[in-house]
Amino acid sequence: MSIATTPIDDVNAATQRAFMELLEPELPGAYRLAYGMLRDQAEAEDAVQDAVLQAWKSFGRFRRGAPLRPWLFTIVANECRGRRRGGWWSVVRGWPPEQEEVAAQATGLEADSSDLRRALQRLSHNHRLVLVLRFYLDMSFEEVAKTLGISSKAAMSRTYRALERLRLTPEVLSDE
């Protein structure tokens, strides 16, 4: 016995496929953002999955012609913030061991990279977030601003303040 599909089912399936085709190129960046915020591989994957579901539910409110990346990354960032607010998230986790090894081998800077990670963890969530968006995800100030819902000047200012605070951390000062 086969289940007959209706034209509405066909339209829904086509819409879902089109939605995923639009989102697919942005998913690696969305994962990097989630991982940068949560520092846990499984949590980051779950956060992106939940963010994609939320994006699907709110896709009808997406403005045509607006850039998709900042819209999606805003949803991912909000999902990560919500997860961090949960009472169980109190342990700062390090990079997954396989990424630690690859990064250390590729750069030969294992001590420097762990110092930088420790210094980043000392920053406030908002300062760490702006640095992850700007430098780790290589977003322009305009994209950072759209993702965070602030002006481009505010994004530049936050980035500057975050870098200043980063320069003042003990891990960074010890190398000067």
Protein backbone atom coordinates (compact mmCIF):
# COMPACT_ATOMS: atom_id res chain seq x y z
CA MET A 1 0.00 0.00 0.00
CA SER A 2 1.48 3.33 -1.01
CA ILE A 3 0.76 6.68 0.50
CA ALA A 4 -0.45 9.21 -2.03
CA THR A 5 1.09 12.64 -1.93
CA THR A 6 -0.85 15.78 -2.51
CA PRO A 7 0.34 18.82 -4.46
CA ILE A 8 0.80 20.59 -1.11
CA ASP A 9 3.14 17.81 0.04
CA ASP A 10 5.14 18.24 -3.17
CA VAL A 11 5.37 22.01 -2.63
CA ASN A 12 6.45 21.55 1.00
CA ALA A 13 9.14 19.07 0.00
CA ALA A 14 10.40 21.40 -2.75
CA THR A 15 10.42 24.34 -0.34
CA GLN A 16 12.38 22.33 2.24
CA ARG A 17 14.92 21.28 -0.40
CA ALA A 18 15.31 24.89 -1.59
CA PHE A 19 15.71 26.09 1.99
CA MET A 20 18.44 23.54 2.70
CA GLU A 21 20.21 24.38 -0.57
CA LEU A 22 20.31 28.02 0.54
CA LEU A 23 21.54 27.15 4.03
CA GLU A 24 24.01 24.42 3.19
CA PRO A 25 26.94 26.70 2.21
CA GLU A 26 26.54 28.57 5.52
CA LEU A 27 26.46 25.51 7.80
CA PRO A 28 30.24 25.15 8.27
CA GLY A 29 30.45 28.78 9.40
CA ALA A 30 27.41 28.31 11.61
CA TYR A 31 29.11 25.32 13.24
CA ARG A 32 32.36 27.29 13.74
CA LEU A 33 30.36 30.07 15.40
CA ALA A 34 28.55 27.61 17.66
CA TYR A 35 31.77 25.83 18.53
CA GLY A 36 33.49 29.15 19.21
CA MET A 37 30.75 30.06 21.64
CA LEU A 38 30.14 26.69 23.30
CA ARG A 39 33.56 24.97 23.08
CA ASP A 40 31.91 21.58 22.86
CA GLN A 41 31.64 19.67 19.60
CA ALA A 42 28.40 17.82 20.34
CA GLU A 43 26.75 20.91 21.85
CA ALA A 44 27.76 22.96 18.81
CA GLU A 45 26.28 20.38 16.44
CA ASP A 46 23.05 20.30 18.46
CA ALA A 47 22.90 24.09 18.57
CA VAL A 48 23.28 24.37 14.79
CA GLN A 49 20.65 21.68 14.26
CA ASP A 50 18.21 23.51 16.55
CA ALA A 51 19.07 26.83 14.91
CA VAL A 52 18.33 25.40 11.45
CA LEU A 53 14.98 24.17 12.72
CA GLN A 54 14.28 27.61 14.19
CA ALA A 55 15.36 29.23 10.90
CA TRP A 56 12.97 26.96 9.01
CA LYS A 57 10.11 27.91 11.33
CA SER A 58 10.82 31.62 10.93
CA PHE A 59 11.79 31.55 7.25
CA GLY A 60 8.50 33.23 6.33
CA ARG A 61 9.71 36.33 8.18
CA PHE A 62 13.04 36.43 6.34
CA ARG A 63 13.24 39.59 4.23
CA ARG A 64 13.74 38.87 0.55
CA GLY A 65 16.99 40.28 -0.71
CA ALA A 66 18.53 40.42 2.76
CA PRO A 67 21.78 38.51 3.28
CA LEU A 68 21.18 35.01 4.61
CA ARG A 69 24.44 34.60 6.53
CA PRO A 70 23.92 37.28 9.21
CA TRP A 71 20.29 36.18 9.67
CA LEU A 72 21.30 32.54 10.20
CA PHE A 73 24.28 33.41 12.40
CA THR A 74 22.03 35.56 14.59
CA ILE A 75 19.77 32.56 15.12
CA VAL A 76 22.80 30.35 15.87
CA ALA A 77 24.24 32.92 18.31
CA ASN A 78 20.88 33.20 20.08
CA GLU A 79 20.60 29.43 20.32
CA CYS A 80 24.10 29.25 21.81
CA ARG A 81 23.31 32.02 24.29
CA GLY A 82 20.25 30.10 25.39
CA ARG A 83 22.28 26.95 25.88
CA ARG A 84 24.93 28.81 27.87
CA ARG A 85 22.26 30.24 30.15
CA GLY A 86 21.23 26.73 31.11
CA GLY A 87 22.30 25.90 34.66
CA TRP A 88 24.29 22.86 33.63
CA TRP A 89 26.69 24.82 31.42
CA SER A 90 29.29 25.99 33.88
CA VAL A 91 32.44 24.18 32.81
CA VAL A 92 34.65 25.87 30.25
CA ARG A 93 35.72 23.16 27.87
CA GLY A 94 38.79 23.05 25.67
CA TRP A 95 39.14 22.24 22.01
CA PRO A 96 38.43 18.66 20.97
CA PRO A 97 41.68 16.68 21.21
CA GLU A 98 41.78 15.95 17.48
CA GLN A 99 41.58 19.67 16.68
CA GLU A 100 44.27 20.44 19.28
CA GLU A 101 46.68 18.02 17.62
CA VAL A 102 45.96 19.18 14.07
CA ALA A 103 46.33 22.85 15.00
CA ALA A 104 49.52 22.24 16.95
CA GLN A 105 51.10 20.21 14.14
CA ALA A 106 50.04 22.66 11.46
CA THR A 107 51.38 25.74 13.22
CA GLY A 108 53.97 24.49 15.66
CA LEU A 109 52.45 26.96 18.10
CA GLU A 110 50.80 24.66 20.60
CA ALA A 111 51.79 26.81 23.59
CA ASP A 112 50.77 30.05 21.89
CA SER A 113 47.39 28.68 20.79
CA SER A 114 46.55 27.34 24.24
CA ASP A 115 47.55 30.70 25.76
CA LEU A 116 45.28 32.48 23.30
CA ARG A 117 42.38 30.12 24.08
CA ARG A 118 42.85 30.74 27.80
CA ALA A 119 42.99 34.48 27.19
CA LEU A 120 39.80 34.34 25.10
CA GLN A 121 38.03 32.39 27.84
CA ARG A 122 38.82 35.21 30.29
CA LEU A 123 36.92 37.70 28.12
CA SER A 124 33.25 38.41 28.61
CA HIS A 125 30.84 36.49 26.42
CA ASN A 126 30.13 39.57 24.26
CA HIS A 127 33.81 40.34 23.69
CA ARG A 128 34.59 36.71 22.87
CA LEU A 129 31.60 36.59 20.50
CA VAL A 130 32.63 39.67 18.53
CA LEU A 131 36.18 38.31 18.14
CA VAL A 132 34.92 34.89 17.02
CA LEU A 133 32.66 36.50 14.42
CA ARG A 134 35.26 38.97 13.17
CA PHE A 135 38.42 36.87 13.13
CA TYR A 136 37.50 33.20 13.45
CA LEU A 137 34.61 33.41 10.96
CA ASP A 138 36.28 36.20 8.97
CA MET A 139 33.15 38.36 8.91
CA SER A 140 33.25 42.00 7.87
CA PHE A 141 32.25 44.61 10.43
CA GLU A 142 28.99 45.00 8.54
CA GLU A 143 28.25 41.26 8.83
CA VAL A 144 29.18 41.28 12.52
CA ALA A 145 26.85 44.24 13.02
CA LYS A 146 23.94 42.53 11.26
CA THR A 147 24.52 39.31 13.18
CA LEU A 148 24.54 41.10 16.53
CA GLY A 149 21.84 43.62 15.64
CA ILE A 150 24.09 46.64 16.18
CA SER A 151 25.58 49.35 13.95
CA SER A 152 28.83 48.85 12.05
CA LYS A 153 30.49 51.50 14.24
CA ALA A 154 29.37 49.64 17.37
CA ALA A 155 30.82 46.41 15.91
CA MET A 156 34.14 48.16 15.29
CA SER A 157 34.11 49.64 18.78
CA ARG A 158 33.31 46.30 20.45
CA THR A 159 36.05 44.61 18.45
CA TYR A 160 38.55 47.28 19.47
CA ARG A 161 37.56 47.01 23.15
CA ALA A 162 37.71 43.21 23.00
CA LEU A 163 41.19 43.31 21.47
CA GLU A 164 42.32 45.81 24.12
CA ARG A 165 41.05 43.53 26.90
CA LEU A 166 42.67 40.56 25.21
CA ARG A 167 46.01 42.40 25.15
CA LEU A 168 45.72 42.96 28.92
CA THR A 169 45.25 39.30 29.85
CA PRO A 170 48.14 37.59 31.69
CA GLU A 171 48.63 35.02 28.90
CA VAL A 172 49.22 37.74 26.33
CA LEU A 173 51.22 40.02 28.64
CA SER A 174 53.68 37.26 29.53
CA ASP A 175 54.91 37.14 25.91
CA GLU A 176 55.66 40.85 25.65
